[in-house]
Amino acid sequence: MVIDILAIGIAYLLGSVSFAYVVTLLVKQANIRKLGDGNPGAANVTRELGLPSGLTVLVLDAAKGA
């Protein structure tokens, strides 16, 4: 029971993380919501920071959904 509650809490917190924002902040020290089209997603990160950063965001967001 405690494990289930912990899993739900961790899943909720993980789901609230914007990996596009975190990756952009770490790589370029910028806010992705102010760059490009303003969409905090993998496509905008790819356009603004390059393919490796965009793929990182894509994989992290997909893992978050899994």
N, C-alpha and C. Protein backbone atom coordinates (compact mmCIF):
# COMPACT_ATOMS: atom_id res chain seq x y z
N MET A 1 0.83 -1.20 0.00
CA MET A 1 0.00 0.00 0.00
C MET A 1 0.87 1.26 0.00
N VAL A 2 1.87 1.28 0.84
CA VAL A 2 2.76 2.43 0.90
C VAL A 2 3.52 2.58 -0.41
N ILE A 3 3.92 1.45 -0.98
CA ILE A 3 4.64 1.47 -2.26
C ILE A 3 3.75 2.06 -3.35
N ASP A 4 2.48 1.70 -3.35
CA ASP A 4 1.55 2.22 -4.36
C ASP A 4 1.40 3.73 -4.23
N ILE A 5 1.27 4.21 -3.03
CA ILE A 5 1.13 5.65 -2.80
C ILE A 5 2.39 6.38 -3.22
N LEU A 6 3.55 5.81 -2.89
CA LEU A 6 4.82 6.40 -3.32
C LEU A 6 4.94 6.43 -4.83
N ALA A 7 4.56 5.35 -5.49
CA ALA A 7 4.62 5.28 -6.96
C ALA A 7 3.73 6.34 -7.59
N ILE A 8 2.54 6.51 -7.05
CA ILE A 8 1.62 7.53 -7.58
C ILE A 8 2.21 8.92 -7.39
N GLY A 9 2.79 9.19 -6.24
CA GLY A 9 3.40 10.49 -5.98
C GLY A 9 4.57 10.78 -6.89
N ILE A 10 5.42 9.79 -7.08
CA ILE A 10 6.59 9.96 -7.95
C ILE A 10 6.14 10.15 -9.40
N ALA A 11 5.15 9.38 -9.84
CA ALA A 11 4.64 9.51 -11.21
C ALA A 11 4.05 10.90 -11.43
N TYR A 12 3.34 11.41 -10.45
CA TYR A 12 2.76 12.75 -10.56
C TYR A 12 3.86 13.80 -10.69
N LEU A 13 4.86 13.72 -9.83
CA LEU A 13 5.95 14.70 -9.88
C LEU A 13 6.74 14.60 -11.17
N LEU A 14 7.00 13.38 -11.64
CA LEU A 14 7.72 13.19 -12.90
C LEU A 14 6.92 13.75 -14.07
N GLY A 15 5.62 13.58 -14.04
CA GLY A 15 4.77 14.08 -15.11
C GLY A 15 4.71 15.59 -15.16
N SER A 16 5.02 16.24 -14.07
CA SER A 16 4.95 17.71 -14.04
C SER A 16 6.24 18.38 -14.50
N VAL A 17 7.27 17.59 -14.75
CA VAL A 17 8.56 18.15 -15.18
C VAL A 17 8.52 18.42 -16.68
N SER A 18 8.91 19.63 -17.07
CA SER A 18 9.03 19.97 -18.48
C SER A 18 10.49 19.73 -18.90
N PHE A 19 10.72 18.58 -19.54
CA PHE A 19 12.09 18.25 -19.92
C PHE A 19 12.63 19.20 -20.97
N ALA A 20 11.79 19.76 -21.81
CA ALA A 20 12.25 20.75 -22.79
C ALA A 20 12.83 21.96 -22.07
N TYR A 21 12.15 22.39 -21.02
CA TYR A 21 12.64 23.53 -20.24
C TYR A 21 13.96 23.19 -19.55
N VAL A 22 14.04 22.01 -18.94
CA VAL A 22 15.23 21.61 -18.20
C VAL A 22 16.43 21.46 -19.13
N VAL A 23 16.25 20.78 -20.25
CA VAL A 23 17.35 20.56 -21.18
C VAL A 23 17.84 21.90 -21.75
N THR A 24 16.92 22.77 -22.13
CA THR A 24 17.31 24.08 -22.66
C THR A 24 18.04 24.91 -21.61
N LEU A 25 17.57 24.84 -20.38
CA LEU A 25 18.23 25.57 -19.31
C LEU A 25 19.64 25.06 -19.09
N LEU A 26 19.83 23.75 -19.13
CA LEU A 26 21.16 23.17 -18.92
C LEU A 26 22.11 23.43 -20.09
N VAL A 27 21.58 23.36 -21.33
CA VAL A 27 22.45 23.48 -22.51
C VAL A 27 22.74 24.94 -22.86
N LYS A 28 21.70 25.78 -22.84
CA LYS A 28 21.85 27.15 -23.34
C LYS A 28 21.60 28.23 -22.30
N GLN A 29 21.24 27.84 -21.09
CA GLN A 29 20.89 28.79 -20.04
C GLN A 29 19.82 29.78 -20.51
N ALA A 30 18.81 29.24 -21.17
CA ALA A 30 17.73 30.05 -21.71
C ALA A 30 16.39 29.38 -21.41
N ASN A 31 15.33 30.13 -21.61
CA ASN A 31 13.97 29.63 -21.42
C ASN A 31 13.40 29.25 -22.78
N ILE A 32 13.10 27.97 -23.00
CA ILE A 32 12.61 27.51 -24.30
C ILE A 32 11.30 28.18 -24.67
N ARG A 33 10.55 28.61 -23.68
CA ARG A 33 9.26 29.26 -23.96
C ARG A 33 9.45 30.65 -24.56
N LYS A 34 10.67 31.15 -24.51
CA LYS A 34 10.97 32.46 -25.11
C LYS A 34 11.74 32.34 -26.42
N LEU A 35 12.09 31.12 -26.80
CA LEU A 35 12.85 30.89 -28.03
C LEU A 35 11.96 30.30 -29.11
N GLY A 36 12.32 30.53 -30.34
CA GLY A 36 11.60 29.93 -31.47
C GLY A 36 10.12 30.26 -31.46
N ASP A 37 9.29 29.22 -31.59
CA ASP A 37 7.84 29.45 -31.63
C ASP A 37 7.22 29.50 -30.24
N GLY A 38 8.03 29.31 -29.20
CA GLY A 38 7.54 29.40 -27.83
C GLY A 38 6.94 28.11 -27.30
N ASN A 39 6.87 27.09 -28.14
CA ASN A 39 6.31 25.82 -27.72
C ASN A 39 7.38 25.00 -26.99
N PRO A 40 7.13 24.62 -25.74
CA PRO A 40 8.13 23.82 -25.02
C PRO A 40 8.02 22.35 -25.40
N GLY A 41 8.50 22.01 -26.57
CA GLY A 41 8.44 20.63 -27.05
C GLY A 41 9.71 20.24 -27.75
N ALA A 42 9.78 18.98 -28.13
CA ALA A 42 10.99 18.45 -28.74
C ALA A 42 11.30 19.11 -30.09
N ALA A 43 10.28 19.43 -30.87
CA ALA A 43 10.52 20.04 -32.18
C ALA A 43 11.16 21.41 -32.04
N ASN A 44 10.67 22.22 -31.13
CA ASN A 44 11.24 23.55 -30.92
C ASN A 44 12.65 23.44 -30.35
N VAL A 45 12.88 22.51 -29.45
CA VAL A 45 14.22 22.31 -28.90
C VAL A 45 15.18 21.89 -30.01
N THR A 46 14.73 21.01 -30.91
CA THR A 46 15.57 20.57 -32.02
C THR A 46 15.95 21.75 -32.91
N ARG A 47 14.97 22.59 -33.22
CA ARG A 47 15.26 23.76 -34.07
C ARG A 47 16.20 24.74 -33.40
N GLU A 48 16.05 24.94 -32.11
CA GLU A 48 16.84 25.95 -31.41
C GLU A 48 18.19 25.46 -30.90
N LEU A 49 18.27 24.17 -30.49
CA LEU A 49 19.50 23.67 -29.88
C LEU A 49 20.19 22.58 -30.66
N GLY A 50 19.48 21.96 -31.61
CA GLY A 50 20.08 20.91 -32.40
C GLY A 50 19.47 19.54 -32.11
N LEU A 51 19.83 18.58 -32.95
CA LEU A 51 19.25 17.25 -32.90
C LEU A 51 19.53 16.49 -31.59
N PRO A 52 20.75 16.52 -31.04
CA PRO A 52 20.97 15.76 -29.80
C PRO A 52 20.07 16.21 -28.65
N SER A 53 19.91 17.51 -28.49
CA SER A 53 19.05 18.03 -27.42
C SER A 53 17.59 17.70 -27.69
N GLY A 54 17.17 17.81 -28.95
CA GLY A 54 15.80 17.49 -29.31
C GLY A 54 15.47 16.03 -29.08
N LEU A 55 16.41 15.14 -29.44
CA LEU A 55 16.19 13.71 -29.21
C LEU A 55 16.16 13.38 -27.71
N THR A 56 16.97 14.07 -26.94
CA THR A 56 16.95 13.88 -25.48
C THR A 56 15.59 14.23 -24.92
N VAL A 57 15.04 15.36 -25.34
CA VAL A 57 13.72 15.77 -24.86
C VAL A 57 12.66 14.77 -25.33
N LEU A 58 12.75 14.34 -26.56
CA LEU A 58 11.78 13.38 -27.10
C LEU A 58 11.79 12.08 -26.30
N VAL A 59 12.97 11.55 -26.03
CA VAL A 59 13.08 10.29 -25.29
C VAL A 59 12.60 10.45 -23.85
N LEU A 60 12.98 11.54 -23.21
CA LEU A 60 12.54 11.76 -21.83
C LEU A 60 11.03 11.95 -21.75
N ASP A 61 10.44 12.68 -22.69
CA ASP A 61 9.00 12.86 -22.69
C ASP A 61 8.26 11.55 -22.98
N ALA A 62 8.81 10.74 -23.87
CA ALA A 62 8.21 9.44 -24.17
C ALA A 62 8.29 8.51 -22.96
N ALA A 63 9.43 8.54 -22.28
CA ALA A 63 9.59 7.71 -21.08
C ALA A 63 8.64 8.17 -19.98
N LYS A 64 8.41 9.46 -19.92
CA LYS A 64 7.48 9.99 -18.93
C LYS A 64 6.07 9.48 -19.21
N GLY A 65 5.72 9.37 -20.46
CA GLY A 65 4.40 8.86 -20.82
C GLY A 65 4.26 7.36 -20.62
N ALA A 66 5.37 6.67 -20.68
CA ALA A 66 5.33 5.20 -20.48
C ALA A 66 5.21 4.92 -19.02
